[in-house]
Amino acid sequence: MGTNIDAIILAEKENWGPALEDFINQYLETFTLPELNEGTRRKDVWNALYNIAKLSEDQKIIKNAFIAVRILSREKDHLAELINDDWIDLMMKLSGLNDDSFQFDTDNMNVRVEILRCLSNILFNSEQMAINSVNNGILDGLVKSINHFSNETILYEIKLLEIKLVFLITALRRDAREKVFHLMATLIQILEDILKEAADVINLNNEQSHIPPLFLTDNQAELACEVLKVLFNITINVNTSVDPEVLANCYTLVKTLRSYLIISSLIKEKTNNLRKDVIHLLVNMPDETYKELIPSSKDNRNKITLEFEGHNMTVVYEILMFLDTKLRDNLNIDRQHDSLCPVITVLLKGSSSNRLIRKFLRNQILPPLTDVHSRPEEGDTLRNHLCRLLTSPLIHLRNVVGKFLFVLCKKNASRMIKYTGYGNAAGFFAQEGLLVKGQVQDGDESSSDDSETEEYAEHKHGIDPVKGCYEELQRKSALENMTDEQKEYEAMKLAELMNNMLETGIIKPCTLGEDGKPKPIEHVLQLQEGLKNQMLNKNENDDSD
């Protein structure tokens, strides 16, 4: 072991080729090289590779030198110390990243691919190198290169690696996002070029060139995903009020994303990744741009369409089906937040900002009730899944779900109780301050049309609002046969038990504040005061006409 490392360190110029090939053959699938920890061998082999790459005029040897560098850079040890400014300058020069007039040929493109692979390892495994990349010319060189992606001679692999590097840098460095933000229009154009390229292949012998592609190749889908990730990073805190051009770019982007939500890759996993990345990016888009997702049916020339009140709802339906798939995957609790929150947030933003999207989604998720005998959280419909999430231990997830259902119910709390049951929705109502003086308050848009079905009207009298379903048997009251003295005794006993749990910290009872949100109490008797106030208010209301 280690003899091939020593061969590189000691090799004369005429032996560089064989020494590199032997090293690659031995270590290509290796991810750790403990033998480099002996003495100065790690530093010596890096220095030897630098000299070979700098001094050789043979493109194959240079390429193999960077394959060796890629193998060595799989280890994190001392990368920031080993990759100095001389290394960066050499990689920039040999890859052409610092030269706008760099002329590509087969050999130097292969060298560029290997250098980009090395940079991916180096920036991923060294936080310091990722920090330095913003100022040492790497990011600037990548940005300039991306601006020339329309050049048909550039390999897809080079495009993919460069976009991946920009994603990595902008993910790790917030200041890099600002530096790359001006690339937004260029990145949108890359997405459109991918669509056009796919469409040109399909319509090669078809005069109807306006028909969008149904499938992307693996390369096209993978490149599109990486572009979407970069766009996500640079639009996380997008401010459209500062620059009208930014808002215009967002409108164009959402229109382009619409196409990416109705196309697929030949591999299901890549299609799922594409959908996921599009949905994540839509989270960042301003609410007003969501109308681009539902073009007028008159303007729609696609053969596949789902029309609703004169608009094509195909894209909204695809997003909804993506959510349905995720809900049926029975995800572990630790995966639910990342998998479900983005898509539900997109549906919430769409339904909050656009009346047609809200109406369409309400029809799909909360159709008129016909099954009144099952609890809202029991079953496999979208409504059932979402009702279960209302009691999720993941606070952010259950709040997003609650807001979404509340918007679908036109911010009418009574309607939401009808569809979800008060037991499921109580936490959301409390969080939003909709419990005032013991009563559920409707939001700003409480008007709604009649959604009762014959089945609901027939059983309405027996529906338990807490459970949200019809109860066949009415339970006998436990207090029915008690004397007043027995009731008082049980009440005092209950108060004592609750006070003990309060003092020991087992429970933290709350009463409702003036803002309708729960406030912790200091003593259990405060619950009695709240009850008296509630009864007084009730009597006042009963006395008024």
Protein backbone atom coordinates (compact mmCIF):
# COMPACT_ATOMS: atom_id res chain seq x y z
CA MET A 1 0.00 0.00 0.00
CA GLY A 2 1.17 3.54 -0.75
CA THR A 3 3.71 2.62 -3.41
CA ASN A 4 1.66 4.37 -6.11
CA ILE A 5 1.53 7.51 -3.96
CA ASP A 6 5.32 7.44 -3.65
CA ALA A 7 5.60 6.87 -7.40
CA ILE A 8 3.75 10.16 -8.04
CA ILE A 9 5.86 12.02 -5.48
CA LEU A 10 9.14 10.74 -6.95
CA ALA A 11 8.18 10.53 -10.66
CA GLU A 12 10.24 12.25 -13.30
CA LYS A 13 8.48 13.93 -16.23
CA GLU A 14 8.70 10.87 -18.48
CA ASN A 15 6.98 8.75 -15.81
CA TRP A 16 4.12 11.09 -14.94
CA GLY A 17 1.62 9.31 -17.19
CA PRO A 18 2.19 5.74 -15.92
CA ALA A 19 2.43 6.88 -12.28
CA LEU A 20 -0.92 8.70 -12.49
CA GLU A 21 -2.65 5.81 -14.25
CA ASP A 22 -1.44 3.34 -11.61
CA PHE A 23 -2.63 5.64 -8.81
CA ILE A 24 -6.06 6.08 -10.42
CA ASN A 25 -6.48 2.34 -10.98
CA GLN A 26 -5.69 1.65 -7.33
CA TYR A 27 -7.68 4.45 -5.65
CA LEU A 28 -10.54 5.38 -7.99
CA GLU A 29 -13.15 3.81 -5.70
CA THR A 30 -11.34 4.79 -2.48
CA PHE A 31 -12.66 7.51 -0.16
CA THR A 32 -10.06 7.46 2.61
CA LEU A 33 -6.29 7.24 2.35
CA PRO A 34 -4.91 6.81 5.91
CA GLU A 35 -1.42 6.23 4.52
CA LEU A 36 -1.25 9.95 3.70
CA ASN A 37 -1.14 10.72 7.42
CA GLU A 38 2.44 9.41 7.58
CA GLY A 39 4.93 12.24 7.84
CA THR A 40 4.59 14.82 5.04
CA ARG A 41 3.24 12.44 2.41
CA ARG A 42 -0.13 14.26 2.08
CA LYS A 43 1.55 17.60 1.41
CA ASP A 44 4.17 15.99 -0.83
CA VAL A 45 1.65 14.27 -3.12
CA TRP A 46 -0.42 17.48 -3.45
CA ASN A 47 2.73 19.42 -4.37
CA ALA A 48 3.71 16.75 -6.91
CA LEU A 49 0.26 16.88 -8.56
CA TYR A 50 0.43 20.67 -8.72
CA ASN A 51 3.78 20.53 -10.54
CA ILE A 52 2.53 17.88 -12.96
CA ALA A 53 -0.66 19.84 -13.82
CA LYS A 54 1.27 23.10 -14.18
CA LEU A 55 4.23 21.86 -16.21
CA SER A 56 2.75 19.15 -18.42
CA GLU A 57 1.69 19.95 -21.97
CA ASP A 58 -0.14 16.65 -22.41
CA GLN A 59 -3.89 17.16 -21.92
CA LYS A 60 -4.37 13.50 -20.94
CA ILE A 61 -1.77 13.77 -18.17
CA ILE A 62 -3.32 17.03 -16.95
CA LYS A 63 -6.75 15.38 -16.91
CA ASN A 64 -5.39 12.38 -14.93
CA ALA A 65 -3.66 14.74 -12.50
CA PHE A 66 -7.03 16.30 -11.67
CA ILE A 67 -8.67 12.88 -11.40
CA ALA A 68 -6.04 12.21 -8.72
CA VAL A 69 -6.86 15.56 -7.10
CA ARG A 70 -10.56 14.61 -7.11
CA ILE A 71 -9.72 11.35 -5.31
CA LEU A 72 -7.59 13.15 -2.71
CA SER A 73 -10.21 15.89 -2.13
CA ARG A 74 -12.74 13.31 -0.93
CA GLU A 75 -11.02 13.64 2.44
CA LYS A 76 -11.63 16.81 4.44
CA ASP A 77 -8.29 16.81 6.25
CA HIS A 78 -6.27 19.99 5.67
CA LEU A 79 -8.00 20.92 2.39
CA ALA A 80 -8.05 24.64 3.20
CA GLU A 81 -4.29 24.51 3.85
CA LEU A 82 -3.42 22.41 0.82
CA ILE A 83 -5.51 24.29 -1.76
CA ASN A 84 -3.73 27.63 -1.79
CA ASP A 85 -4.06 30.59 -4.17
CA ASP A 86 -1.60 28.98 -6.60
CA TRP A 87 -3.90 25.95 -6.92
CA ILE A 88 -6.95 28.16 -7.51
CA ASP A 89 -5.13 30.22 -10.16
CA LEU A 90 -4.00 27.06 -11.92
CA MET A 91 -7.49 25.52 -11.95
CA MET A 92 -9.01 28.76 -13.20
CA LYS A 93 -6.44 28.99 -16.00
CA LEU A 94 -6.62 25.37 -17.17
CA SER A 95 -10.44 25.31 -17.06
CA GLY A 96 -10.84 28.67 -18.80
CA LEU A 97 -13.01 30.06 -15.97
CA ASN A 98 -10.96 33.26 -15.96
CA ASP A 99 -10.86 33.70 -19.72
CA ASP A 100 -13.92 34.88 -21.70
CA SER A 101 -12.20 34.03 -24.98
CA PHE A 102 -11.25 30.49 -23.96
CA GLN A 103 -11.55 28.17 -26.96
CA PHE A 104 -13.01 24.76 -26.20
CA ASP A 105 -11.88 21.56 -27.83
CA THR A 106 -12.42 17.92 -26.88
CA ASP A 107 -9.29 17.69 -24.73
CA ASN A 108 -9.59 20.86 -22.71
CA MET A 109 -13.31 20.29 -22.16
CA ASN A 110 -12.43 16.97 -20.51
CA VAL A 111 -9.90 18.81 -18.33
CA ARG A 112 -12.54 21.38 -17.42
CA VAL A 113 -14.96 18.62 -16.38
CA GLU A 114 -12.37 17.13 -14.02
CA ILE A 115 -11.47 20.52 -12.55
CA LEU A 116 -15.15 21.26 -11.90
CA ARG A 117 -15.52 17.89 -10.20
CA CYS A 118 -12.50 18.70 -8.03
CA LEU A 119 -13.99 22.07 -7.08
CA SER A 120 -17.26 20.38 -6.12
CA ASN A 121 -15.42 18.11 -3.69
CA ILE A 122 -13.24 20.91 -2.35
CA LEU A 123 -16.07 23.39 -1.71
CA PHE A 124 -18.32 20.71 -0.23
CA ASN A 125 -15.67 19.36 2.12
CA SER A 126 -14.11 22.67 3.16
CA GLU A 127 -16.26 25.46 4.56
CA GLN A 128 -13.31 27.84 4.37
CA MET A 129 -12.85 27.16 0.66
CA ALA A 130 -16.56 27.79 0.10
CA ILE A 131 -16.19 31.13 1.88
CA ASN A 132 -13.14 32.01 -0.19
CA SER A 133 -14.89 31.12 -3.46
CA VAL A 134 -16.93 34.33 -3.30
CA ASN A 135 -13.81 36.51 -3.54
CA ASN A 136 -11.09 34.39 -5.17
CA GLY A 137 -12.59 34.45 -8.67
CA ILE A 138 -14.32 31.05 -8.69
CA LEU A 139 -17.87 32.42 -8.37
CA ASP A 140 -17.18 35.24 -10.82
CA GLY A 141 -15.83 32.76 -13.34
CA LEU A 142 -18.85 30.50 -12.96
CA VAL A 143 -21.26 33.41 -13.41
CA LYS A 144 -19.52 34.51 -16.61
CA SER A 145 -19.59 30.97 -17.93
CA ILE A 146 -23.29 30.53 -17.18
CA ASN A 147 -24.03 33.66 -19.18
CA HIS A 148 -22.65 31.81 -22.22
CA PHE A 149 -24.68 28.62 -21.81
CA SER A 150 -26.46 29.33 -25.09
CA ASN A 151 -23.23 28.21 -26.76
CA GLU A 152 -24.17 24.81 -28.19
CA THR A 153 -20.57 23.55 -27.99
CA ILE A 154 -20.61 23.47 -24.18
CA LEU A 155 -21.16 19.98 -22.83
CA TYR A 156 -24.25 19.28 -20.72
CA GLU A 157 -21.94 17.85 -18.07
CA ILE A 158 -20.07 21.15 -17.83
CA LYS A 159 -23.34 23.08 -17.53
CA LEU A 160 -24.57 20.72 -14.83
CA LEU A 161 -21.35 20.87 -12.80
CA GLU A 162 -21.15 24.65 -12.96
CA ILE A 163 -24.77 25.13 -11.90
CA LYS A 164 -24.20 22.65 -9.05
CA LEU A 165 -21.20 24.67 -7.90
CA VAL A 166 -23.21 27.90 -7.89
CA PHE A 167 -25.94 26.15 -5.92
CA LEU A 168 -23.40 24.91 -3.39
CA ILE A 169 -21.83 28.36 -2.97
CA THR A 170 -25.15 30.18 -2.67
CA ALA A 171 -26.43 27.58 -0.20
CA LEU A 172 -23.42 28.12 2.07
CA ARG A 173 -22.89 31.85 1.58
CA ARG A 174 -25.68 34.44 1.93
CA ASP A 175 -23.55 37.20 0.37
CA ALA A 176 -23.08 35.00 -2.70
CA ARG A 177 -26.86 35.10 -3.32
CA GLU A 178 -26.76 38.87 -3.72
CA LYS A 179 -23.80 38.55 -6.05
CA VAL A 180 -25.61 36.02 -8.24
CA PHE A 181 -29.08 37.62 -8.10
CA HIS A 182 -28.57 39.40 -11.44
CA LEU A 183 -28.39 35.92 -13.01
CA MET A 184 -32.12 35.42 -12.42
CA ALA A 185 -33.15 36.30 -15.99
CA THR A 186 -30.35 34.12 -17.42
CA LEU A 187 -31.37 31.14 -15.30
CA ILE A 188 -35.01 31.54 -16.38
CA GLN A 189 -33.82 31.57 -19.98
CA ILE A 190 -31.90 28.33 -19.38
CA LEU A 191 -35.13 26.71 -18.15
CA GLU A 192 -36.95 27.93 -21.24
CA ASP A 193 -34.14 26.72 -23.50
CA ILE A 194 -34.42 23.24 -21.98
CA LEU A 195 -38.15 23.21 -22.76
CA LYS A 196 -37.52 24.43 -26.29
CA GLU A 197 -34.82 21.83 -26.85
CA ALA A 198 -37.14 19.06 -25.67
CA ALA A 199 -40.01 20.40 -27.78
CA ASP A 200 -37.80 20.64 -30.89
CA VAL A 201 -36.96 16.96 -30.60
CA ILE A 202 -40.61 15.97 -30.29
CA ASN A 203 -41.79 18.31 -33.04
CA LEU A 204 -38.96 17.61 -35.45
CA ASN A 205 -41.43 16.39 -38.04
CA ASN A 206 -44.46 18.17 -36.62
CA GLU A 207 -45.62 21.58 -37.78
CA GLN A 208 -47.44 22.21 -34.47
CA SER A 209 -44.31 23.44 -32.74
CA HIS A 210 -46.37 25.13 -30.01
CA ILE A 211 -47.20 21.79 -28.40
CA PRO A 212 -45.13 21.55 -25.20
CA PRO A 213 -42.84 18.58 -24.55
CA LEU A 214 -44.27 15.73 -22.51
CA PHE A 215 -40.90 14.32 -21.45
CA LEU A 216 -37.44 15.57 -20.63
CA THR A 217 -34.32 13.48 -21.03
CA ASP A 218 -32.41 12.56 -17.87
CA ASN A 219 -29.81 15.25 -18.62
CA GLN A 220 -32.45 17.91 -19.22
CA ALA A 221 -34.36 17.03 -16.05
CA GLU A 222 -31.20 16.99 -13.93
CA LEU A 223 -29.99 20.34 -15.26
CA ALA A 224 -33.44 21.88 -14.76
CA CYS A 225 -33.49 20.70 -11.13
CA GLU A 226 -30.12 22.29 -10.40
CA VAL A 227 -31.19 25.58 -12.01
CA LEU A 228 -34.37 25.55 -9.91
CA LYS A 229 -32.30 25.04 -6.75
CA VAL A 230 -30.09 28.04 -7.56
CA LEU A 231 -33.18 30.15 -8.25
CA PHE A 232 -34.59 29.05 -4.91
CA ASN A 233 -31.44 30.19 -3.09
CA ILE A 234 -31.31 33.62 -4.71
CA THR A 235 -35.05 34.36 -4.29
CA ILE A 236 -35.42 33.34 -0.63
CA ASN A 237 -35.83 36.99 0.42
CA VAL A 238 -36.92 38.43 -2.91
CA ASN A 239 -38.22 42.00 -2.63
CA THR A 240 -40.35 42.92 -5.62
CA SER A 241 -41.30 46.34 -4.27
CA VAL A 242 -37.79 47.70 -4.83
CA ASP A 243 -37.37 46.88 -8.52
CA PRO A 244 -40.23 46.40 -11.02
CA GLU A 245 -37.89 44.30 -13.15
CA VAL A 246 -37.60 41.76 -10.33
CA LEU A 247 -41.39 41.41 -10.19
CA ALA A 248 -41.49 41.03 -13.98
CA ASN A 249 -38.89 38.26 -13.73
CA CYS A 250 -41.01 36.54 -11.06
CA TYR A 251 -44.05 36.62 -13.35
CA THR A 252 -41.98 35.14 -16.19
CA LEU A 253 -40.54 32.51 -13.87
CA VAL A 254 -43.95 31.37 -12.58
CA LYS A 255 -45.19 31.13 -16.17
CA THR A 256 -42.18 28.93 -16.98
CA LEU A 257 -42.69 26.83 -13.84
CA ARG A 258 -46.21 26.14 -15.07
CA SER A 259 -44.74 24.16 -17.93
CA TYR A 260 -42.42 22.22 -15.63
CA LEU A 261 -45.38 21.06 -13.54
CA ILE A 262 -47.03 19.29 -16.46
CA ILE A 263 -43.99 17.57 -17.97
CA SER A 264 -42.17 14.49 -16.76
CA SER A 265 -38.89 12.66 -17.02
CA LEU A 266 -38.68 9.08 -18.19
CA ILE A 267 -37.57 8.13 -14.67
CA LYS A 268 -40.18 8.56 -11.93
CA GLU A 269 -37.66 9.65 -9.31
CA LYS A 270 -36.41 12.49 -11.51
CA THR A 271 -40.00 13.58 -12.16
CA ASN A 272 -40.65 13.69 -8.41
CA ASN A 273 -37.46 15.71 -7.88
CA LEU A 274 -38.54 18.12 -10.60
CA ARG A 275 -41.98 18.61 -9.02
CA LYS A 276 -40.43 19.07 -5.58
CA ASP A 277 -37.93 21.70 -6.75
CA VAL A 278 -40.61 23.63 -8.66
CA ILE A 279 -42.89 23.66 -5.60
CA HIS A 280 -40.06 24.80 -3.31
CA LEU A 281 -39.34 27.69 -5.69
CA LEU A 282 -43.01 28.66 -5.86
CA VAL A 283 -42.95 29.19 -2.09
CA ASN A 284 -40.60 32.16 -2.70
CA MET A 285 -42.72 33.73 -5.42
CA PRO A 286 -44.95 36.75 -4.65
CA ASP A 287 -48.63 35.92 -4.17
CA GLU A 288 -49.73 38.07 -7.09
CA THR A 289 -47.73 35.94 -9.55
CA TYR A 290 -49.79 32.82 -8.82
CA LYS A 291 -52.39 33.86 -11.37
CA GLU A 292 -49.87 32.76 -14.00
CA LEU A 293 -50.54 29.17 -12.89
CA ILE A 294 -54.12 29.31 -14.21
CA PRO A 295 -54.12 30.73 -17.75
CA SER A 296 -57.37 31.47 -19.50
CA SER A 297 -58.72 28.49 -21.42
CA LYS A 298 -59.02 30.77 -24.45
CA ASP A 299 -55.27 31.31 -24.44
CA ASN A 300 -54.49 27.66 -23.81
CA ARG A 301 -53.48 25.69 -26.86
CA ASN A 302 -52.58 22.52 -25.02
CA LYS A 303 -54.62 19.44 -25.75
CA ILE A 304 -54.60 18.38 -22.11
CA THR A 305 -56.59 20.76 -19.93
CA LEU A 306 -58.69 20.77 -16.78
CA GLU A 307 -61.07 23.68 -17.20
CA PHE A 308 -62.77 25.50 -14.31
CA GLU A 309 -64.75 28.69 -14.83
CA GLY A 310 -62.87 29.52 -18.01
CA HIS A 311 -59.37 28.78 -16.70
CA ASN A 312 -56.98 25.88 -17.07
CA MET A 313 -56.49 24.31 -13.63
CA THR A 314 -54.20 21.49 -14.76
CA VAL A 315 -51.17 22.86 -12.90
CA VAL A 316 -53.07 23.45 -9.64
CA TYR A 317 -54.43 19.91 -9.90
CA GLU A 318 -50.91 18.53 -10.42
CA ILE A 319 -49.72 20.31 -7.27
CA LEU A 320 -52.69 18.88 -5.38
CA MET A 321 -51.91 15.37 -6.64
CA PHE A 322 -48.29 15.83 -5.56
CA LEU A 323 -49.61 16.57 -2.07
CA ASP A 324 -51.95 13.57 -2.23
CA THR A 325 -49.02 11.31 -3.11
CA LYS A 326 -46.96 12.64 -0.20
CA LEU A 327 -49.87 12.17 2.21
CA ARG A 328 -50.34 8.56 1.10
CA ASP A 329 -46.65 7.77 1.56
CA ASN A 330 -47.20 7.48 5.35
CA LEU A 331 -44.06 9.51 6.01
CA ASN A 332 -42.28 9.25 9.35
CA ILE A 333 -42.91 12.21 11.62
CA ASP A 334 -39.35 13.49 11.14
CA ARG A 335 -39.88 13.74 7.36
CA GLN A 336 -43.36 15.26 7.34
CA HIS A 337 -42.32 18.88 7.85
CA ASP A 338 -39.89 19.07 4.90
CA SER A 339 -42.09 16.99 2.62
CA LEU A 340 -45.50 18.51 3.34
CA CYS A 341 -45.01 22.13 4.43
CA PRO A 342 -43.75 23.49 1.05
CA VAL A 343 -46.57 22.05 -1.06
CA ILE A 344 -49.27 23.01 1.48
CA THR A 345 -47.76 26.50 1.67
CA VAL A 346 -47.99 26.84 -2.12
CA LEU A 347 -51.65 25.77 -2.06
CA LEU A 348 -52.29 28.20 0.83
CA LYS A 349 -50.65 31.10 -1.04
CA GLY A 350 -52.58 30.28 -4.19
CA SER A 351 -55.95 29.96 -2.47
CA SER A 352 -55.36 33.10 -0.38
CA SER A 353 -54.42 35.25 -3.35
CA ASN A 354 -56.72 33.94 -6.05
CA ARG A 355 -60.46 33.32 -5.75
CA LEU A 356 -60.59 30.78 -8.60
CA ILE A 357 -57.76 28.70 -7.13
CA ARG A 358 -59.53 28.73 -3.76
CA LYS A 359 -62.87 27.65 -5.24
CA PHE A 360 -61.26 24.89 -7.28
CA LEU A 361 -59.30 23.55 -4.30
CA ARG A 362 -62.34 23.73 -2.03
CA ASN A 363 -64.30 21.60 -4.50
CA GLN A 364 -61.47 19.08 -4.58
CA ILE A 365 -60.70 18.94 -0.84
CA LEU A 366 -63.94 19.95 0.86
CA PRO A 367 -66.79 18.85 -1.40
CA PRO A 368 -70.34 18.91 0.03
CA LEU A 369 -70.53 16.44 2.93
CA THR A 370 -72.16 13.09 2.20
CA ASP A 371 -70.44 10.84 4.76
CA VAL A 372 -71.60 12.18 8.12
CA HIS A 373 -71.12 8.94 10.08
CA SER A 374 -67.30 8.89 10.04
CA ARG A 375 -65.02 11.25 11.90
CA PRO A 376 -63.29 13.86 9.68
CA GLU A 377 -59.85 12.39 10.47
CA GLU A 378 -60.88 8.84 9.56
CA GLY A 379 -60.42 7.77 5.96
CA ASP A 380 -58.11 8.26 3.01
CA THR A 381 -59.41 11.40 1.30
CA LEU A 382 -57.46 14.66 1.18
CA ARG A 383 -59.83 16.08 3.79
CA ASN A 384 -59.20 13.12 6.11
CA HIS A 385 -55.42 13.41 5.79
CA LEU A 386 -55.44 17.16 6.42
CA CYS A 387 -57.75 16.81 9.44
CA ARG A 388 -55.29 14.36 10.97
CA LEU A 389 -52.50 16.89 10.48
CA LEU A 390 -54.46 19.49 12.48
CA THR A 391 -53.37 17.61 15.61
CA SER A 392 -49.80 16.94 14.46
CA PRO A 393 -47.05 17.46 17.08
CA LEU A 394 -45.22 19.52 14.41
CA ILE A 395 -46.40 23.03 15.28
CA HIS A 396 -45.54 24.73 12.00
CA LEU A 397 -47.10 21.96 9.92
CA ARG A 398 -50.39 21.94 11.81
CA ASN A 399 -50.59 25.76 11.66
CA VAL A 400 -50.06 25.79 7.89
CA VAL A 401 -52.69 23.08 7.45
CA GLY A 402 -55.09 25.00 9.71
CA LYS A 403 -54.65 28.23 7.77
CA PHE A 404 -55.14 26.40 4.48
CA LEU A 405 -58.39 24.76 5.58
CA PHE A 406 -59.58 28.03 7.13
CA VAL A 407 -59.03 29.85 3.82
CA LEU A 408 -60.85 27.08 1.93
CA CYS A 409 -63.74 27.62 4.34
CA LYS A 410 -63.69 31.34 3.45
CA LYS A 411 -62.43 32.10 6.94
CA ASN A 412 -65.72 30.89 8.36
CA ALA A 413 -65.00 29.09 11.64
CA SER A 414 -68.42 27.44 11.78
CA ARG A 415 -67.90 25.97 8.33
CA MET A 416 -64.44 24.74 9.32
CA ILE A 417 -65.89 23.02 12.40
CA LYS A 418 -68.44 21.37 10.14
CA TYR A 419 -65.72 19.87 7.95
CA THR A 420 -63.01 19.16 10.55
CA GLY A 421 -64.78 18.82 13.89
CA TYR A 422 -64.14 21.24 16.74
CA GLY A 423 -61.84 18.73 18.46
CA ASN A 424 -59.41 18.84 15.53
CA ALA A 425 -59.67 22.59 14.91
CA ALA A 426 -59.61 23.87 18.52
CA GLY A 427 -55.83 24.19 18.63
CA PHE A 428 -55.80 26.25 15.44
CA PHE A 429 -58.63 28.50 16.68
CA ALA A 430 -56.76 29.12 19.93
CA GLN A 431 -53.50 29.84 18.08
CA GLU A 432 -55.21 32.35 15.80
CA GLY A 433 -57.14 34.06 18.60
CA LEU A 434 -60.53 32.97 17.29
CA LEU A 435 -61.83 31.88 20.71
CA VAL A 436 -63.33 34.99 22.29
CA LYS A 437 -65.38 34.70 25.49
CA GLY A 438 -65.74 31.00 24.97
CA GLN A 439 -67.20 31.40 21.50
CA VAL A 440 -65.66 30.63 18.11
CA GLN A 441 -65.38 33.81 16.06
CA ASP A 442 -65.56 33.92 12.28
CA GLY A 443 -62.82 35.57 10.25
CA ASP A 444 -63.07 38.43 7.80
CA GLU A 445 -64.79 36.47 5.05
CA SER A 446 -67.54 34.70 6.94
CA SER A 447 -70.16 34.77 4.21
CA SER A 448 -70.59 31.47 2.41
CA ASP A 449 -73.03 29.66 0.26
CA ASP A 450 -75.10 26.71 1.45
CA SER A 451 -73.07 23.52 1.31
CA GLU A 452 -75.53 21.15 2.98
CA THR A 453 -76.36 17.91 1.21
CA GLU A 454 -79.49 15.88 1.79
CA GLU A 455 -77.45 13.43 3.86
CA TYR A 456 -76.09 16.21 6.06
CA ALA A 457 -79.48 17.88 6.50
CA GLU A 458 -81.08 14.57 7.44
CA HIS A 459 -78.59 13.85 10.24
CA LYS A 460 -77.74 17.41 11.24
CA HIS A 461 -79.62 17.18 14.52
CA GLY A 462 -77.41 14.30 15.72
CA ILE A 463 -74.00 15.54 14.58
CA ASP A 464 -71.54 16.04 17.42
CA PRO A 465 -69.67 19.29 16.57
CA VAL A 466 -66.63 18.23 18.61
CA LYS A 467 -66.23 14.91 16.80
CA GLY A 468 -67.57 16.25 13.51
CA CYS A 469 -69.81 13.25 12.83
CA TYR A 470 -73.24 11.79 13.60
CA GLU A 471 -73.66 10.07 16.95
CA GLU A 472 -76.33 7.34 16.85
CA LEU A 473 -76.67 6.92 20.63
CA GLN A 474 -76.86 9.85 22.99
CA ARG A 475 -74.92 9.09 26.12
CA LYS A 476 -76.70 9.40 29.45
CA SER A 477 -75.45 12.29 31.58
CA ALA A 478 -73.38 11.17 34.56
CA LEU A 479 -75.00 13.96 36.64
CA GLU A 480 -78.58 13.01 35.81
CA ASN A 481 -79.39 11.15 39.03
CA MET A 482 -77.14 13.13 41.37
CA THR A 483 -78.41 15.42 44.13
CA ASP A 484 -77.13 18.99 44.30
CA GLU A 485 -74.91 18.02 47.25
CA GLN A 486 -73.35 15.16 45.24
CA LYS A 487 -72.73 17.45 42.28
CA GLU A 488 -71.08 20.02 44.55
CA TYR A 489 -68.91 17.31 46.13
CA GLU A 490 -67.76 15.99 42.72
CA ALA A 491 -67.06 19.53 41.51
CA MET A 492 -64.90 20.30 44.56
CA LYS A 493 -63.08 16.97 44.17
CA LEU A 494 -62.39 17.74 40.51
CA ALA A 495 -61.16 21.24 41.37
CA GLU A 496 -58.80 19.78 44.00
CA LEU A 497 -57.38 17.23 41.54
CA MET A 498 -56.85 19.90 38.88
CA ASN A 499 -55.17 22.20 41.41
CA ASN A 500 -52.80 19.40 42.45
CA MET A 501 -51.84 18.78 38.83
CA LEU A 502 -51.37 22.51 38.33
CA GLU A 503 -49.07 22.83 41.35
CA THR A 504 -46.97 19.83 40.31
CA GLY A 505 -46.66 21.12 36.77
CA ILE A 506 -48.38 18.12 35.16
CA ILE A 507 -50.81 20.44 33.38
CA LYS A 508 -50.90 24.16 32.68
CA PRO A 509 -54.57 25.21 32.48
CA CYS A 510 -55.38 28.35 30.51
CA THR A 511 -58.20 30.81 30.26
CA LEU A 512 -58.99 32.98 27.27
CA GLY A 513 -57.57 36.50 27.19
CA GLU A 514 -59.18 39.54 25.63
CA ASP A 515 -57.38 38.73 22.35
CA GLY A 516 -59.01 35.31 22.22
CA LYS A 517 -55.73 33.47 22.82
CA PRO A 518 -55.10 31.15 25.81
CA LYS A 519 -53.39 32.67 28.86
CA PRO A 520 -51.86 30.49 31.65
CA ILE A 521 -53.66 30.72 35.02
CA GLU A 522 -52.06 30.85 38.46
CA HIS A 523 -54.84 29.10 40.37
CA VAL A 524 -57.63 26.75 39.36
CA LEU A 525 -60.27 29.10 40.82
CA GLN A 526 -59.57 31.44 37.91
CA LEU A 527 -61.36 28.89 35.76
CA GLN A 528 -64.45 29.40 37.90
CA GLU A 529 -64.20 33.18 37.44
CA GLY A 530 -63.94 32.70 33.70
CA LEU A 531 -67.02 30.46 33.77
CA LYS A 532 -68.99 33.11 35.71
CA ASN A 533 -67.99 35.80 33.20
CA GLN A 534 -69.02 33.54 30.34
CA MET A 535 -72.42 32.92 31.96
CA LEU A 536 -72.95 36.66 32.55
CA ASN A 537 -72.14 37.40 28.93
CA LYS A 538 -74.48 34.64 27.84
CA ASN A 539 -77.30 36.05 29.96
CA GLU A 540 -76.70 39.54 28.58
CA ASN A 541 -76.89 38.20 25.07
CA ASP A 542 -80.02 36.20 25.87
CA ASP A 543 -81.74 39.31 27.22
CA SER A 544 -81.01 41.35 24.14
CA ASP A 545 -83.14 41.20 21.01
